């Protein structure tokens, strides 16, 4: 344990969605604001001393995609991708802070550390079944989760091959690489571990015209989301906070 706080790294341009995502992470981890700070990476670069100030990093989702053509990326997206790459490199070596890259973040971690990201494994918006691998049983974070559980996803790209040396922790048929670990301090998940079903439907409303689903299907998809039980992913976040966060 440490006395340094964890840091939520926002990569969402939409301020309302970003604020809600921070609250979802904080609530799922059962920590107050003194234990989970936040930084808006869309608008502010990482401070030079960030790796000395924080015990770990939680990277959320974003409407950005790693596989977007470079010519279409804004200056802000290119800058934040470079800063996220710094976090991946600093936490993969195991000598400093920890990290959990989720959704869009897993693409950055994968690309930075030598894996490949493609559009071959998108998943529809809503609940999906996730299954742990045999290696997950001995993992400090995933080992306490049910072997099979429901999580929430909405993404246009996925990890096609994990970084060299990564330990595959979770999979499903739609997206074979749902979670992995590099070293003992960098974790990455394709699924969203933080939102409640209600929070996820509110996020869906914010992005209903962004191509994740047909906006006319919002009510039907939201109904499936609200009927799902997604208790296990939050346990992953609590385990991360207990292992790497402040006492």
Protein backbone atom coordinates (compact mmCIF):
# COMPACT_ATOMS: atom_id res chain seq x y z
CA UNK A 1 0.00 0.00 0.00
CA UNK A 2 0.97 3.61 -0.52
CA UNK A 3 -0.22 7.03 0.59
CA UNK A 4 -0.20 8.42 -2.97
CA UNK A 5 -3.60 8.63 -4.69
CA UNK A 6 -4.67 6.96 -7.90
CA UNK A 7 -5.38 9.08 -10.98
CA UNK A 8 -8.34 8.81 -13.34
CA UNK A 9 -7.16 9.92 -16.77
CA UNK A 10 -9.98 11.40 -18.84
CA UNK A 11 -9.80 10.90 -22.62
CA UNK A 12 -13.39 11.91 -23.41
CA UNK A 13 -13.93 15.30 -25.09
CA UNK A 14 -17.52 15.44 -23.78
CA UNK A 15 -17.32 17.02 -20.33
CA UNK A 16 -20.57 15.56 -19.03
CA UNK A 17 -19.69 12.02 -20.07
CA UNK A 18 -16.20 12.44 -18.60
CA UNK A 19 -17.53 13.63 -15.24
CA UNK A 20 -19.98 10.73 -15.12
CA UNK A 21 -17.24 8.23 -15.97
CA UNK A 22 -15.06 9.54 -13.16
CA UNK A 23 -17.95 9.14 -10.71
CA UNK A 24 -18.54 5.60 -11.99
CA UNK A 25 -14.91 4.67 -11.37
CA UNK A 26 -14.94 6.26 -7.93
CA UNK A 27 -18.20 4.59 -6.89
CA UNK A 28 -17.16 1.17 -8.20
CA UNK A 29 -13.84 1.39 -6.35
CA UNK A 30 -15.56 2.71 -3.20
CA UNK A 31 -13.05 5.51 -2.75
CA UNK A 32 -13.47 9.23 -2.13
CA UNK A 33 -11.97 12.08 -4.15
CA UNK A 34 -8.86 12.22 -1.97
CA UNK A 35 -7.95 8.70 -3.11
CA UNK A 36 -8.87 9.09 -6.78
CA UNK A 37 -7.72 12.31 -8.43
CA UNK A 38 -8.59 13.20 -12.02
CA UNK A 39 -6.81 14.71 -15.00
CA UNK A 40 -8.39 15.88 -18.26
CA UNK A 41 -5.89 14.63 -20.83
CA UNK A 42 -7.96 15.97 -23.72
CA UNK A 43 -7.25 19.52 -22.62
CA UNK A 44 -4.07 19.28 -20.54
CA UNK A 45 -0.90 17.22 -21.14
CA UNK A 46 0.45 14.96 -18.43
CA UNK A 47 2.49 16.83 -15.82
CA UNK A 48 6.21 16.05 -15.89
CA UNK A 49 6.11 14.68 -12.35
CA UNK A 50 3.00 12.54 -12.80
CA UNK A 51 4.79 9.23 -12.15
CA UNK A 52 6.11 10.50 -8.82
CA UNK A 53 2.75 11.91 -7.69
CA UNK A 54 0.41 8.97 -8.29
CA UNK A 55 0.38 5.32 -7.34
CA UNK A 56 -1.58 4.20 -10.36
CA UNK A 57 -3.63 5.26 -13.37
CA UNK A 58 -7.12 4.39 -14.58
CA UNK A 59 -7.71 5.17 -18.23
CA UNK A 60 -11.32 5.35 -19.37
CA UNK A 61 -13.07 5.13 -22.69
CA UNK A 62 -13.36 7.61 -25.54
CA UNK A 63 -15.05 8.14 -28.90
CA UNK A 64 -11.51 8.21 -30.33
CA UNK A 65 -10.13 5.07 -31.96
CA UNK A 66 -6.52 3.97 -32.19
CA UNK A 67 -7.19 2.74 -35.71
CA UNK A 68 -8.50 6.10 -36.94
CA UNK A 69 -6.37 7.21 -39.91
CA UNK A 70 -3.63 9.51 -38.65
CA UNK A 71 -4.73 12.16 -41.14
CA UNK A 72 -8.12 12.38 -39.41
CA UNK A 73 -6.83 12.65 -35.83
CA UNK A 74 -6.88 16.03 -34.16
CA UNK A 75 -3.80 17.50 -32.52
CA UNK A 76 -5.43 16.80 -29.15
CA UNK A 77 -5.93 13.12 -30.00
CA UNK A 78 -2.36 12.67 -31.19
CA UNK A 79 -1.01 14.38 -28.08
CA UNK A 80 -3.11 12.38 -25.66
CA UNK A 81 -2.20 9.12 -27.41
CA UNK A 82 1.47 9.99 -26.90
CA UNK A 83 0.83 10.69 -23.21
CA UNK A 84 -1.10 7.45 -22.76
CA UNK A 85 1.81 5.64 -24.40
CA UNK A 86 4.06 7.16 -21.74
CA UNK A 87 1.82 5.70 -19.03
CA UNK A 88 1.85 2.28 -20.70
CA UNK A 89 5.63 2.25 -20.99
CA UNK A 90 6.15 3.48 -17.42
CA UNK A 91 3.81 0.92 -15.85
CA UNK A 92 4.70 -2.09 -18.00
CA UNK A 93 8.22 -2.32 -16.62
CA UNK A 94 6.92 -3.11 -13.13
CA UNK A 95 9.20 -0.70 -11.33
CA UNK A 96 6.76 2.10 -10.60
CA UNK A 97 3.05 2.91 -10.62
CA UNK A 98 0.29 0.55 -11.79
CA UNK A 99 -2.26 1.08 -14.54
CA UNK A 100 -5.60 -0.17 -15.79
CA UNK A 101 -6.36 0.70 -19.42
CA UNK A 102 -10.02 0.21 -20.40
CA UNK A 103 -11.95 0.33 -23.69
CA UNK A 104 -10.12 2.85 -25.92
CA UNK A 105 -7.19 2.62 -23.51
CA UNK A 106 -6.50 -1.05 -24.23
CA UNK A 107 -5.83 -0.10 -27.85
CA UNK A 108 -3.18 2.41 -26.81
CA UNK A 109 -1.51 -0.06 -24.45
CA UNK A 110 -1.59 -2.80 -27.08
CA UNK A 111 -0.09 -0.67 -29.83
CA UNK A 112 2.53 0.90 -27.56
CA UNK A 113 3.78 -2.42 -26.22
CA UNK A 114 4.04 -4.21 -29.56
CA UNK A 115 0.62 -5.82 -30.09
CA UNK A 116 -1.82 -5.11 -32.91
CA UNK A 117 -5.20 -3.36 -32.93
CA UNK A 118 -7.76 -3.77 -35.71
CA UNK A 119 -11.41 -3.31 -36.61
CA UNK A 120 -11.86 -7.09 -36.88
CA UNK A 121 -13.40 -7.48 -33.43
CA UNK A 122 -16.03 -4.82 -32.78
CA UNK A 123 -18.80 -5.52 -30.28
CA UNK A 124 -22.31 -4.17 -30.19
CA UNK A 125 -23.36 -1.85 -27.41
CA UNK A 126 -24.73 -3.72 -24.42
CA UNK A 127 -24.10 -6.68 -22.12
CA UNK A 128 -21.79 -9.52 -23.20
CA UNK A 129 -20.57 -12.72 -21.56
CA UNK A 130 -16.89 -12.73 -20.58
CA UNK A 131 -14.95 -15.85 -19.63
CA UNK A 132 -11.73 -15.97 -17.63
CA UNK A 133 -8.73 -17.94 -18.81
CA UNK A 134 -6.85 -20.53 -16.75
CA UNK A 135 -4.15 -17.93 -16.02
CA UNK A 136 -6.71 -15.63 -14.45
CA UNK A 137 -7.20 -18.00 -11.52
CA UNK A 138 -3.81 -17.08 -10.06
CA UNK A 139 -3.96 -13.38 -10.93
CA UNK A 140 -4.14 -11.03 -7.91
CA UNK A 141 -7.04 -9.05 -9.41
CA UNK A 142 -8.93 -11.45 -11.66
CA UNK A 143 -8.54 -14.47 -9.41
CA UNK A 144 -11.44 -13.43 -7.18
CA UNK A 145 -13.91 -12.99 -10.06
CA UNK A 146 -16.46 -15.54 -11.23
CA UNK A 147 -15.18 -17.70 -14.08
CA UNK A 148 -17.93 -16.38 -16.34
CA UNK A 149 -19.65 -13.03 -15.91
CA UNK A 150 -21.49 -10.26 -17.73
CA UNK A 151 -19.82 -6.99 -18.67
CA UNK A 152 -20.74 -3.96 -20.77
CA UNK A 153 -19.07 -3.13 -24.05
CA UNK A 154 -19.35 -0.69 -26.95
CA UNK A 155 -16.39 -0.50 -29.29
CA UNK A 156 -15.43 -0.35 -32.95
CA UNK A 157 -11.95 -1.89 -32.65
CA UNK A 158 -10.17 -4.48 -30.54
CA UNK A 159 -6.85 -6.12 -29.80
CA UNK A 160 -5.99 -8.59 -32.55
CA UNK A 161 -2.75 -9.78 -30.96
CA UNK A 162 -1.62 -8.87 -27.43
CA UNK A 163 1.77 -7.39 -26.63
CA UNK A 164 4.66 -9.88 -26.42
CA UNK A 165 4.75 -11.45 -22.98
CA UNK A 166 1.21 -10.40 -22.06
CA UNK A 167 -0.85 -12.83 -19.99
CA UNK A 168 -4.34 -13.32 -21.42
CA UNK A 169 -6.88 -13.10 -18.59
CA UNK A 170 -10.32 -12.94 -20.23
CA UNK A 171 -11.92 -13.62 -23.59
CA UNK A 172 -15.21 -14.14 -25.41
CA UNK A 173 -16.31 -15.21 -28.86
CA UNK A 174 -16.92 -11.72 -30.20
CA UNK A 175 -13.62 -10.27 -29.02
CA UNK A 176 -11.03 -12.95 -28.16
CA UNK A 177 -8.87 -10.58 -26.09
CA UNK A 178 -11.04 -9.05 -23.39
CA UNK A 179 -8.31 -8.55 -20.79
CA UNK A 180 -4.60 -9.07 -20.28
CA UNK A 181 -1.74 -8.21 -17.93
CA UNK A 182 1.78 -7.12 -18.79
CA UNK A 183 4.28 -7.61 -15.99
CA UNK A 184 2.59 -7.35 -12.63
CA UNK A 185 1.34 -3.75 -12.74
CA UNK A 186 -0.26 -3.06 -16.12
CA UNK A 187 -3.77 -4.36 -16.77
CA UNK A 188 -6.00 -3.76 -19.78
CA UNK A 189 -9.66 -4.59 -20.42
CA UNK A 190 -11.75 -4.25 -23.56
CA UNK A 191 -14.95 -4.22 -21.51
CA UNK A 192 -16.01 -1.34 -19.27
CA UNK A 193 -15.47 -2.33 -15.63
CA UNK A 194 -16.83 0.85 -14.05
CA UNK A 195 -20.44 1.73 -14.99
CA UNK A 196 -23.64 0.58 -13.42
CA UNK A 197 -26.30 -0.35 -15.94
CA UNK A 198 -28.07 2.98 -15.34
CA UNK A 199 -24.85 4.94 -15.86
CA UNK A 200 -24.18 3.00 -19.04
CA UNK A 201 -27.59 3.90 -20.51
CA UNK A 202 -26.89 7.55 -19.72
CA UNK A 203 -23.58 7.25 -21.57
CA UNK A 204 -25.41 5.60 -24.45
CA UNK A 205 -27.68 8.65 -24.65
CA UNK A 206 -24.64 10.93 -24.88
CA UNK A 207 -23.21 8.88 -27.78
CA UNK A 208 -26.40 7.75 -29.50
CA UNK A 209 -25.43 9.48 -32.76
CA UNK A 210 -21.77 8.37 -32.78
CA UNK A 211 -22.23 5.13 -34.72
CA UNK A 212 -22.07 2.61 -31.89
CA UNK A 213 -25.69 1.58 -32.49
CA UNK A 214 -28.71 2.69 -34.49
CA UNK A 215 -30.18 5.56 -32.50
CA UNK A 216 -33.67 4.21 -33.21
CA UNK A 217 -32.73 1.10 -31.20
CA UNK A 218 -31.80 3.05 -28.06
CA UNK A 219 -34.82 1.98 -25.98
CA UNK A 220 -34.47 -1.70 -26.84
CA UNK A 221 -30.73 -1.75 -26.12
CA UNK A 222 -31.16 0.25 -22.92
CA UNK A 223 -33.74 -2.27 -21.77
CA UNK A 224 -31.28 -5.14 -22.24
CA UNK A 225 -28.61 -3.20 -20.39
CA UNK A 226 -30.85 -2.38 -17.43
CA UNK A 227 -31.88 -6.03 -17.14
CA UNK A 228 -28.26 -7.24 -16.93
CA UNK A 229 -26.29 -7.99 -13.75
CA UNK A 230 -22.79 -6.49 -13.92
CA UNK A 231 -21.47 -6.92 -10.38
CA UNK A 232 -18.22 -8.71 -11.24
CA UNK A 233 -16.39 -5.96 -13.19
CA UNK A 234 -16.73 -3.57 -10.23
CA UNK A 235 -15.00 -6.18 -8.06
CA UNK A 236 -12.03 -5.93 -10.40
CA UNK A 237 -11.79 -2.19 -9.76
CA UNK A 238 -12.05 -2.62 -6.01
CA UNK A 239 -9.24 -5.18 -6.15
CA UNK A 240 -7.12 -2.72 -8.15
CA UNK A 241 -7.74 0.02 -5.58
CA UNK A 242 -6.95 -2.26 -2.66
CA UNK A 243 -3.74 -3.59 -4.21
CA UNK A 244 -2.31 -0.40 -5.71
CA UNK A 245 -4.14 2.53 -4.14
CA UNK A 246 -3.62 4.52 -0.96
CA UNK A 247 -4.35 2.96 2.40
